[in-house]
Amino acid sequence: MNKFLILKFLSSQFLFSFFFYTLGNIIGSIWAKTSWGSYWNWDIKELWSLILWINCLLIIHLNSIKYNYFLNILNVFNLILILFNFLLINFIYKNSMHLYIF
């Protein structure tokens, strides 16, 4: 299979997931406005979600550079951020507004 075809497929898959991640953050902020009274509360979960979104945005913008070593590092960092945000924040930080999940 062609290596560039795989990279093109992964790039389109990443853009697809970034679109829904952005949509989820927007819908979540609208829900937070109706539930808590403000769009953004600087909660630890919201902050790390913003850091993950900015990292994804960097990956999208650096994707035009071929074979970039920094892009590979950002992809690994992105995986670590996802695991940290969705698994460890709830167990480490006990004063979060999003603690009702666990």
N, C-alpha and C. Protein backbone atom coordinates (compact mmCIF):
# COMPACT_ATOMS: atom_id res chain seq x y z
N MET A 1 0.84 -1.18 0.00
CA MET A 1 0.00 0.00 0.00
C MET A 1 0.89 1.24 0.00
N ASN A 2 0.43 2.26 -0.66
CA ASN A 2 1.21 3.49 -0.78
C ASN A 2 1.29 4.22 0.57
N LYS A 3 2.49 4.64 0.92
CA LYS A 3 2.71 5.31 2.21
C LYS A 3 2.00 6.65 2.27
N PHE A 4 1.97 7.38 1.18
CA PHE A 4 1.32 8.68 1.17
C PHE A 4 -0.21 8.57 1.24
N LEU A 5 -0.74 7.48 0.71
CA LEU A 5 -2.18 7.25 0.80
C LEU A 5 -2.59 7.02 2.26
N ILE A 6 -1.77 6.29 3.01
CA ILE A 6 -2.04 6.07 4.43
C ILE A 6 -1.96 7.37 5.20
N LEU A 7 -0.95 8.20 4.90
CA LEU A 7 -0.81 9.49 5.59
C LEU A 7 -1.97 10.42 5.27
N LYS A 8 -2.45 10.38 4.02
CA LYS A 8 -3.60 11.20 3.64
C LYS A 8 -4.86 10.75 4.37
N PHE A 9 -5.04 9.43 4.50
CA PHE A 9 -6.19 8.90 5.21
C PHE A 9 -6.13 9.29 6.69
N LEU A 10 -4.97 9.17 7.32
CA LEU A 10 -4.83 9.53 8.72
C LEU A 10 -5.04 11.02 8.94
N SER A 11 -4.60 11.83 8.00
CA SER A 11 -4.80 13.27 8.11
C SER A 11 -6.29 13.62 8.04
N SER A 12 -7.01 13.00 7.13
CA SER A 12 -8.45 13.28 7.03
C SER A 12 -9.18 12.74 8.25
N GLN A 13 -8.73 11.62 8.80
CA GLN A 13 -9.35 11.08 10.01
C GLN A 13 -9.09 12.00 11.20
N PHE A 14 -7.90 12.58 11.27
CA PHE A 14 -7.58 13.51 12.35
C PHE A 14 -8.42 14.78 12.24
N LEU A 15 -8.62 15.29 11.02
CA LEU A 15 -9.46 16.47 10.83
C LEU A 15 -10.92 16.17 11.21
N PHE A 16 -11.39 14.99 10.88
CA PHE A 16 -12.74 14.57 11.24
C PHE A 16 -12.91 14.55 12.75
N SER A 17 -11.95 13.97 13.46
CA SER A 17 -12.06 13.91 14.92
C SER A 17 -11.88 15.29 15.54
N PHE A 18 -11.03 16.14 14.96
CA PHE A 18 -10.85 17.50 15.48
C PHE A 18 -12.13 18.31 15.34
N PHE A 19 -12.85 18.12 14.24
CA PHE A 19 -14.11 18.82 14.04
C PHE A 19 -15.10 18.47 15.15
N PHE A 20 -15.24 17.19 15.45
CA PHE A 20 -16.19 16.78 16.48
C PHE A 20 -15.69 17.12 17.88
N TYR A 21 -14.39 17.16 18.08
CA TYR A 21 -13.85 17.59 19.37
C TYR A 21 -14.15 19.08 19.59
N THR A 22 -13.99 19.88 18.55
CA THR A 22 -14.32 21.30 18.63
C THR A 22 -15.81 21.50 18.86
N LEU A 23 -16.61 20.76 18.13
CA LEU A 23 -18.07 20.83 18.31
C LEU A 23 -18.48 20.44 19.73
N GLY A 24 -17.83 19.42 20.28
CA GLY A 24 -18.12 19.02 21.65
C GLY A 24 -17.75 20.08 22.67
N ASN A 25 -16.64 20.78 22.44
CA ASN A 25 -16.25 21.87 23.34
C ASN A 25 -17.23 23.03 23.26
N ILE A 26 -17.71 23.34 22.07
CA ILE A 26 -18.67 24.44 21.91
C ILE A 26 -20.00 24.08 22.56
N ILE A 27 -20.49 22.88 22.29
CA ILE A 27 -21.75 22.45 22.90
C ILE A 27 -21.61 22.34 24.42
N GLY A 28 -20.44 21.88 24.88
CA GLY A 28 -20.20 21.80 26.32
C GLY A 28 -20.18 23.16 26.99
N SER A 29 -19.64 24.16 26.31
CA SER A 29 -19.63 25.50 26.90
C SER A 29 -21.04 26.10 26.93
N ILE A 30 -21.84 25.80 25.92
CA ILE A 30 -23.23 26.28 25.94
C ILE A 30 -24.00 25.59 27.06
N TRP A 31 -23.74 24.29 27.25
CA TRP A 31 -24.38 23.58 28.35
C TRP A 31 -23.93 24.13 29.71
N ALA A 32 -22.63 24.48 29.81
CA ALA A 32 -22.11 25.05 31.06
C ALA A 32 -22.76 26.40 31.36
N LYS A 33 -23.05 27.18 30.33
CA LYS A 33 -23.73 28.46 30.53
C LYS A 33 -25.11 28.26 31.13
N THR A 34 -25.84 27.27 30.63
CA THR A 34 -27.17 27.04 31.18
C THR A 34 -27.12 26.34 32.53
N SER A 35 -26.09 25.54 32.77
CA SER A 35 -26.02 24.78 34.00
C SER A 35 -25.36 25.56 35.14
N TRP A 36 -24.20 26.19 34.87
CA TRP A 36 -23.42 26.84 35.92
C TRP A 36 -23.42 28.36 35.82
N GLY A 37 -23.93 28.91 34.75
CA GLY A 37 -24.03 30.36 34.64
C GLY A 37 -22.93 31.05 33.88
N SER A 38 -21.90 30.33 33.45
CA SER A 38 -20.84 30.95 32.65
C SER A 38 -20.31 29.93 31.64
N TYR A 39 -19.76 30.45 30.54
CA TYR A 39 -19.26 29.56 29.49
C TYR A 39 -17.97 28.87 29.89
N TRP A 40 -17.13 29.55 30.67
CA TRP A 40 -15.80 29.02 31.01
C TRP A 40 -15.52 29.33 32.47
N ASN A 41 -15.11 28.32 33.24
CA ASN A 41 -14.86 28.50 34.66
C ASN A 41 -13.41 28.26 35.05
N TRP A 42 -12.52 28.01 34.11
CA TRP A 42 -11.12 27.70 34.35
C TRP A 42 -10.95 26.51 35.28
N ASP A 43 -11.84 25.54 35.13
CA ASP A 43 -11.73 24.29 35.86
C ASP A 43 -10.56 23.49 35.27
N ILE A 44 -10.00 22.59 36.05
CA ILE A 44 -8.83 21.84 35.61
C ILE A 44 -9.13 20.98 34.38
N LYS A 45 -10.32 20.42 34.32
CA LYS A 45 -10.72 19.61 33.16
C LYS A 45 -10.88 20.48 31.92
N GLU A 46 -11.46 21.66 32.08
CA GLU A 46 -11.63 22.58 30.95
C GLU A 46 -10.29 23.11 30.47
N LEU A 47 -9.39 23.37 31.39
CA LEU A 47 -8.07 23.88 31.02
C LEU A 47 -7.27 22.85 30.23
N TRP A 48 -7.26 21.60 30.68
CA TRP A 48 -6.53 20.57 29.95
C TRP A 48 -7.22 20.23 28.64
N SER A 49 -8.52 20.40 28.57
CA SER A 49 -9.21 20.23 27.31
C SER A 49 -8.80 21.31 26.31
N LEU A 50 -8.61 22.55 26.81
CA LEU A 50 -8.13 23.63 25.94
C LEU A 50 -6.70 23.37 25.48
N ILE A 51 -5.86 22.87 26.37
CA ILE A 51 -4.48 22.55 25.99
C ILE A 51 -4.46 21.46 24.93
N LEU A 52 -5.31 20.46 25.07
CA LEU A 52 -5.42 19.40 24.07
C LEU A 52 -5.92 19.94 22.74
N TRP A 53 -6.88 20.86 22.77
CA TRP A 53 -7.41 21.44 21.54
C TRP A 53 -6.33 22.27 20.83
N ILE A 54 -5.55 23.04 21.59
CA ILE A 54 -4.47 23.84 21.00
C ILE A 54 -3.40 22.93 20.41
N ASN A 55 -3.09 21.82 21.08
CA ASN A 55 -2.12 20.88 20.54
C ASN A 55 -2.62 20.25 19.24
N CYS A 56 -3.90 19.91 19.19
CA CYS A 56 -4.47 19.39 17.94
C CYS A 56 -4.42 20.42 16.82
N LEU A 57 -4.66 21.67 17.17
CA LEU A 57 -4.59 22.74 16.18
C LEU A 57 -3.16 22.91 15.65
N LEU A 58 -2.17 22.78 16.53
CA LEU A 58 -0.77 22.83 16.08
C LEU A 58 -0.45 21.67 15.14
N ILE A 59 -0.96 20.50 15.45
CA ILE A 59 -0.71 19.34 14.59
C ILE A 59 -1.32 19.56 13.21
N ILE A 60 -2.51 20.13 13.16
CA ILE A 60 -3.15 20.39 11.87
C ILE A 60 -2.34 21.40 11.06
N HIS A 61 -1.85 22.44 11.71
CA HIS A 61 -1.11 23.45 10.98
C HIS A 61 0.29 22.99 10.59
N LEU A 62 0.89 22.12 11.38
CA LEU A 62 2.22 21.61 11.03
C LEU A 62 2.17 20.43 10.09
N ASN A 63 0.97 19.94 9.80
CA ASN A 63 0.84 18.78 8.93
C ASN A 63 1.24 19.07 7.48
N SER A 64 1.30 20.33 7.11
CA SER A 64 1.72 20.67 5.75
C SER A 64 3.21 20.45 5.54
N ILE A 65 3.97 20.39 6.63
CA ILE A 65 5.41 20.12 6.54
C ILE A 65 5.60 18.60 6.54
N LYS A 66 6.25 18.09 5.54
CA LYS A 66 6.41 16.65 5.41
C LYS A 66 7.58 16.16 6.26
N TYR A 67 7.38 15.00 6.88
CA TYR A 67 8.41 14.31 7.66
C TYR A 67 9.00 15.21 8.75
N ASN A 68 8.15 15.90 9.44
CA ASN A 68 8.60 16.80 10.49
C ASN A 68 8.73 16.03 11.80
N TYR A 69 9.91 16.10 12.40
CA TYR A 69 10.17 15.41 13.67
C TYR A 69 9.32 16.01 14.79
N PHE A 70 9.15 17.31 14.78
CA PHE A 70 8.36 17.99 15.80
C PHE A 70 6.89 17.55 15.74
N LEU A 71 6.40 17.26 14.56
CA LEU A 71 5.03 16.78 14.40
C LEU A 71 4.85 15.42 15.06
N ASN A 72 5.84 14.56 14.96
CA ASN A 72 5.77 13.25 15.62
C ASN A 72 5.76 13.40 17.14
N ILE A 73 6.55 14.32 17.64
CA ILE A 73 6.58 14.57 19.09
C ILE A 73 5.22 15.10 19.55
N LEU A 74 4.61 16.00 18.78
CA LEU A 74 3.30 16.53 19.14
C LEU A 74 2.22 15.45 19.10
N ASN A 75 2.32 14.51 18.19
CA ASN A 75 1.35 13.42 18.15
C ASN A 75 1.45 12.53 19.38
N VAL A 76 2.66 12.24 19.82
CA VAL A 76 2.84 11.46 21.04
C VAL A 76 2.34 12.25 22.24
N PHE A 77 2.64 13.55 22.27
CA PHE A 77 2.18 14.42 23.35
C PHE A 77 0.65 14.49 23.35
N ASN A 78 0.05 14.47 22.18
CA ASN A 78 -1.40 14.49 22.06
C ASN A 78 -2.01 13.23 22.69
N LEU A 79 -1.42 12.09 22.44
CA LEU A 79 -1.90 10.85 23.04
C LEU A 79 -1.78 10.90 24.56
N ILE A 80 -0.67 11.41 25.06
CA ILE A 80 -0.48 11.54 26.52
C ILE A 80 -1.51 12.50 27.10
N LEU A 81 -1.79 13.60 26.40
CA LEU A 81 -2.80 14.55 26.88
C LEU A 81 -4.19 13.95 26.93
N ILE A 82 -4.53 13.16 25.94
CA ILE A 82 -5.85 12.52 25.92
C ILE A 82 -5.99 11.57 27.10
N LEU A 83 -4.97 10.75 27.32
CA LEU A 83 -5.02 9.82 28.44
C LEU A 83 -5.05 10.55 29.77
N PHE A 84 -4.25 11.62 29.88
CA PHE A 84 -4.21 12.39 31.12
C PHE A 84 -5.55 13.08 31.38
N ASN A 85 -6.11 13.66 30.34
CA ASN A 85 -7.35 14.42 30.51
C ASN A 85 -8.54 13.53 30.83
N PHE A 86 -8.67 12.43 30.16
CA PHE A 86 -9.87 11.62 30.32
C PHE A 86 -9.75 10.53 31.38
N LEU A 87 -8.54 10.21 31.83
CA LEU A 87 -8.40 9.16 32.81
C LEU A 87 -7.87 9.64 34.16
N LEU A 88 -6.85 10.48 34.15
CA LEU A 88 -6.15 10.79 35.39
C LEU A 88 -6.65 12.03 36.12
N ILE A 89 -7.23 12.99 35.42
CA ILE A 89 -7.67 14.23 36.06
C ILE A 89 -8.70 13.94 37.15
N ASN A 90 -9.60 13.03 36.91
CA ASN A 90 -10.64 12.73 37.88
C ASN A 90 -10.10 12.08 39.14
N PHE A 91 -8.96 11.40 39.04
CA PHE A 91 -8.39 10.74 40.20
C PHE A 91 -7.38 11.60 40.93
N ILE A 92 -6.74 12.55 40.23
CA ILE A 92 -5.71 13.38 40.85
C ILE A 92 -6.32 14.61 41.51
N TYR A 93 -7.18 15.30 40.79
CA TYR A 93 -7.71 16.58 41.25
C TYR A 93 -9.13 16.37 41.74
N LYS A 94 -9.34 16.49 43.02
CA LYS A 94 -10.64 16.17 43.61
C LYS A 94 -11.61 17.35 43.68
N ASN A 95 -11.16 18.58 43.35
CA ASN A 95 -12.03 19.76 43.44
C ASN A 95 -12.58 20.18 42.08
N SER A 96 -12.65 19.29 41.15
CA SER A 96 -13.10 19.62 39.81
C SER A 96 -14.62 19.70 39.75
N MET A 97 -15.12 20.57 38.86
CA MET A 97 -16.56 20.64 38.63
C MET A 97 -17.04 19.41 37.86
N HIS A 98 -16.13 18.69 37.22
CA HIS A 98 -16.46 17.54 36.40
C HIS A 98 -16.26 16.24 37.17
N LEU A 99 -16.23 16.29 38.46
CA LEU A 99 -15.98 15.10 39.27
C LEU A 99 -17.20 14.21 39.39
N TYR A 100 -18.36 14.68 38.97
CA TYR A 100 -19.59 13.90 39.08
C TYR A 100 -19.57 12.65 38.20
N ILE A 101 -18.60 12.56 37.30
CA ILE A 101 -18.52 11.40 36.41
C ILE A 101 -18.16 10.16 37.21
N PHE A 102 -17.22 10.28 38.14
CA PHE A 102 -16.77 9.12 38.91
C PHE A 102 -17.27 9.18 40.32
